[in-house]
Protein backbone atom coordinates (compact mmCIF):
# COMPACT_ATOMS: atom_id res chain seq x y z
CA MET A 1 -73.39 82.38 -56.05
CA LYS A 2 -75.26 85.58 -57.06
CA ALA A 3 -73.74 88.88 -55.78
CA GLU A 4 -76.27 90.99 -53.45
CA PRO A 5 -77.16 94.23 -54.91
CA SER A 6 -75.46 96.33 -52.33
CA GLU A 7 -72.15 94.36 -53.29
CA LEU A 8 -72.65 94.65 -56.88
CA LEU A 9 -73.11 98.32 -56.65
CA HIS A 10 -70.16 98.44 -54.44
CA ARG A 11 -67.98 97.01 -56.84
CA PHE A 12 -69.38 98.98 -59.94
CA PHE A 13 -68.46 102.47 -58.28
CA ALA A 14 -65.17 101.06 -57.05
CA GLY A 15 -64.23 100.06 -60.44
CA LEU A 16 -65.13 103.35 -62.01
CA SER A 17 -63.77 105.34 -59.22
CA GLU A 18 -60.42 103.56 -59.42
CA HIS A 19 -60.05 103.71 -63.21
CA THR A 20 -61.26 107.58 -63.20
CA PHE A 21 -58.86 108.57 -60.32
CA GLN A 22 -55.87 106.31 -60.98
CA ALA A 23 -55.73 105.94 -65.26
CA GLN A 24 -57.59 109.06 -66.14
CA LEU A 25 -56.36 111.70 -63.29
CA GLY A 26 -53.08 109.84 -62.22
CA ILE A 27 -54.07 109.83 -58.49
CA ALA A 28 -53.08 106.76 -56.69
CA ASP A 29 -54.26 107.43 -53.34
CA PRO A 30 -56.44 104.14 -52.25
CA PRO A 31 -57.79 105.65 -49.08
CA LEU A 32 -59.46 108.61 -51.10
CA ILE A 33 -60.67 106.46 -53.82
CA ASP A 34 -62.35 104.10 -51.23
CA TYR A 35 -63.82 107.38 -49.56
CA VAL A 36 -65.24 108.59 -52.82
CA THR A 37 -66.63 104.99 -53.70
CA ASP A 38 -68.16 104.78 -50.14
CA LEU A 39 -69.81 108.16 -50.65
CA LEU A 40 -71.28 107.12 -53.99
CA VAL A 41 -72.64 104.09 -52.42
CA ARG A 42 -74.02 105.72 -49.49
CA PHE A 43 -75.76 108.38 -51.38
CA VAL A 44 -77.62 106.31 -53.62
CA ARG A 45 -80.04 106.39 -50.80
CA SER A 46 -81.56 109.89 -50.14
CA ASP A 47 -81.94 109.17 -46.62
CA ALA A 48 -78.23 109.29 -46.64
CA VAL A 49 -78.06 112.51 -48.47
CA TYR A 50 -80.35 114.14 -46.18
CA ARG A 51 -79.65 112.24 -42.85
CA ILE A 52 -78.58 115.48 -40.92
CA ARG A 53 -81.90 116.66 -39.15
CA SER A 54 -82.73 119.67 -37.20
CA LEU A 55 -83.73 119.37 -33.50
CA ASN A 56 -87.13 118.89 -34.46
CA GLY A 57 -86.17 115.97 -36.51
CA LYS A 58 -86.80 117.78 -39.92
CA PRO A 59 -84.04 116.62 -42.68
CA LEU A 60 -81.90 119.59 -43.49
CA ALA A 61 -81.44 120.03 -46.98
CA GLN A 62 -79.53 123.30 -47.41
CA VAL A 63 -75.77 123.82 -46.36
CA ALA A 64 -76.41 127.11 -44.75
CA ILE A 65 -78.65 125.53 -42.23
CA MET A 66 -76.55 122.73 -41.91
CA MET A 67 -73.53 124.95 -41.13
CA SER A 68 -75.71 126.73 -38.37
CA GLU A 69 -76.68 123.21 -37.08
CA ALA A 70 -72.86 122.31 -36.96
CA GLU A 71 -72.39 125.11 -34.72
CA ASN A 72 -74.84 124.01 -32.16
CA ARG A 73 -72.93 120.60 -31.71
CA ILE A 74 -69.87 119.63 -29.78
CA GLY A 75 -67.23 116.60 -30.10
CA ASP A 76 -68.13 113.91 -32.49
CA ALA A 77 -71.52 115.38 -33.38
CA LYS A 78 -69.74 118.46 -34.63
CA ARG A 79 -67.22 116.77 -36.70
CA ASP A 80 -69.94 114.31 -37.97
CA VAL A 81 -72.12 117.38 -39.24
CA HIS A 82 -69.15 119.22 -40.88
CA ARG A 83 -67.92 115.93 -42.49
CA HIS A 84 -71.55 115.48 -43.90
CA ILE A 85 -71.34 119.06 -45.18
CA GLY A 86 -68.17 118.10 -47.10
CA ASP A 87 -69.86 114.99 -48.45
CA PHE A 88 -73.10 116.87 -49.25
CA THR A 89 -71.32 119.31 -51.29
CA LEU A 90 -68.87 117.22 -52.71
CA PHE A 91 -71.71 114.83 -54.10
CA TRP A 92 -73.72 117.61 -55.52
CA VAL A 93 -70.62 119.76 -57.04
CA GLY A 94 -69.22 116.29 -58.36
CA VAL A 95 -72.03 114.22 -59.48
CA TYR A 96 -75.05 116.37 -60.16
CA PRO A 97 -73.76 119.90 -60.74
CA GLU A 98 -76.92 120.85 -62.92
CA ALA A 99 -78.80 120.58 -59.82
CA LEU A 100 -76.98 123.59 -58.06
CA GLY A 101 -78.89 126.12 -59.86
CA ARG A 102 -82.15 125.02 -58.25
CA MET A 103 -80.63 124.25 -54.89
CA GLN A 104 -79.02 127.67 -54.83
CA SER A 105 -81.99 129.79 -56.15
CA SER A 106 -82.86 133.14 -54.72
CA THR A 107 -85.65 131.58 -52.52
CA LYS A 108 -83.07 129.46 -50.95
CA LYS A 109 -80.71 130.34 -48.04
CA ASP A 110 -77.92 128.70 -49.96
CA HIS A 111 -78.29 131.37 -52.51
CA LEU A 112 -74.87 133.00 -51.48
CA VAL A 113 -73.36 129.71 -50.30
CA ASP A 114 -70.33 128.61 -52.42
CA TYR A 115 -70.50 124.72 -52.01
CA CYS A 116 -67.02 124.21 -53.19
CA ALA A 117 -65.58 126.97 -50.61
CA GLN A 118 -68.06 125.48 -47.91
CA GLY A 119 -67.20 121.87 -48.77
CA LYS A 120 -63.58 122.48 -48.36
CA ARG A 121 -64.00 124.36 -45.37
CA ALA A 122 -66.10 121.65 -43.51
CA TYR A 123 -63.67 118.94 -44.22
CA TRP A 124 -61.01 121.03 -42.79
CA ILE A 125 -62.96 121.57 -39.53
CA ALA A 126 -63.79 118.07 -39.38
CA SER A 127 -60.17 117.02 -39.78
CA THR A 128 -59.19 118.99 -37.01
CA ILE A 129 -61.65 117.73 -34.24
CA SER A 130 -60.23 114.93 -32.45
CA SER A 131 -62.09 111.79 -31.82
CA GLU A 132 -61.85 108.56 -29.62
CA ASP A 133 -63.61 106.67 -32.68
CA ASP A 134 -60.63 104.35 -34.14
CA SER A 135 -62.12 104.68 -37.53
CA PHE A 136 -61.83 108.23 -37.71
CA ASP A 137 -59.03 109.46 -40.24
CA GLY A 138 -58.62 113.31 -39.96
CA GLU A 139 -55.84 112.98 -42.40
CA LEU A 140 -57.76 111.82 -44.99
CA LEU A 141 -60.57 114.73 -44.27
CA GLY A 142 -57.74 116.92 -44.60
CA ARG A 143 -56.78 115.62 -48.15
CA LEU A 144 -60.48 115.85 -49.27
CA SER A 145 -60.44 119.49 -48.25
CA ARG A 146 -57.13 120.29 -50.23
CA GLU A 147 -58.31 118.18 -53.02
CA PHE A 148 -62.10 118.92 -53.27
CA GLU A 149 -61.93 120.36 -56.66
CA MET A 150 -59.93 117.22 -58.16
CA CYS A 151 -62.22 114.78 -56.26
CA ALA A 152 -65.56 116.77 -57.59
CA TYR A 153 -63.96 116.66 -61.14
CA GLY A 154 -63.17 112.98 -60.72
CA LEU A 155 -66.79 112.43 -59.65
CA ARG A 156 -68.12 114.19 -62.84
CA GLU A 157 -66.01 111.69 -64.64
CA VAL A 158 -67.22 108.65 -62.75
CA ARG A 159 -70.82 110.00 -63.60
CA ARG A 160 -69.82 110.18 -67.26
CA GLU A 161 -68.50 106.81 -67.58
CA TRP A 162 -71.58 105.16 -65.62
CA GLU A 163 -73.95 106.99 -68.05
CA ARG A 164 -71.79 105.55 -71.01
CA ARG A 165 -72.39 101.98 -69.59
CA ASP A 166 -76.03 102.96 -69.17
CA GLU A 167 -76.40 103.62 -72.88
CA ARG A 168 -74.60 100.63 -73.75
CA GLY A 169 -76.66 98.78 -71.42
CA ASP A 170 -73.93 97.13 -69.53
CA SER A 171 -74.24 98.83 -66.29
CA PRO A 172 -75.44 97.21 -62.85
CA LEU A 173 -77.18 100.48 -62.16
CA SER A 174 -79.65 99.38 -64.87
CA LEU A 175 -80.26 96.11 -63.57
CA LEU A 176 -80.68 97.30 -59.70
CA PHE A 177 -82.70 100.26 -60.41
CA ASN A 178 -85.22 99.30 -63.49
């Protein structure tokens, strides 16, 4: 039976994340590794990267504006925006740090935003907002805040490995996106 593309993608990122975090970095934290894997799978789609929207429905692409938007929300919605800010900054700092220069150019509101500091802060704030949602894990978000730089480094290593596999031609990404 042939695996669905989303299943292949999840297995690919799970294998790379587990190997990178456990074997290379010595981090044996399955919930954290699963979160990083899910982040990679979710953010393959640009609509997930830019899912936070203004009140008029426009996708928000700058952390400074997302931070302002988070302050206008309460409860689960506020936690969700802060968590997304953490995910957004972790993704860009970890997977595509070369894009930060463009994202933080002098013409952008993010010009003075420190993505690492704001990502850590956003995860911490999200971890402190209680929820009735059974799937909410405040402790995990707290670990993401404390381990933000390590997770970003791990994501850079995951990217290096997927690029090596792309060059060798044995990456499912080339099958899915070519």
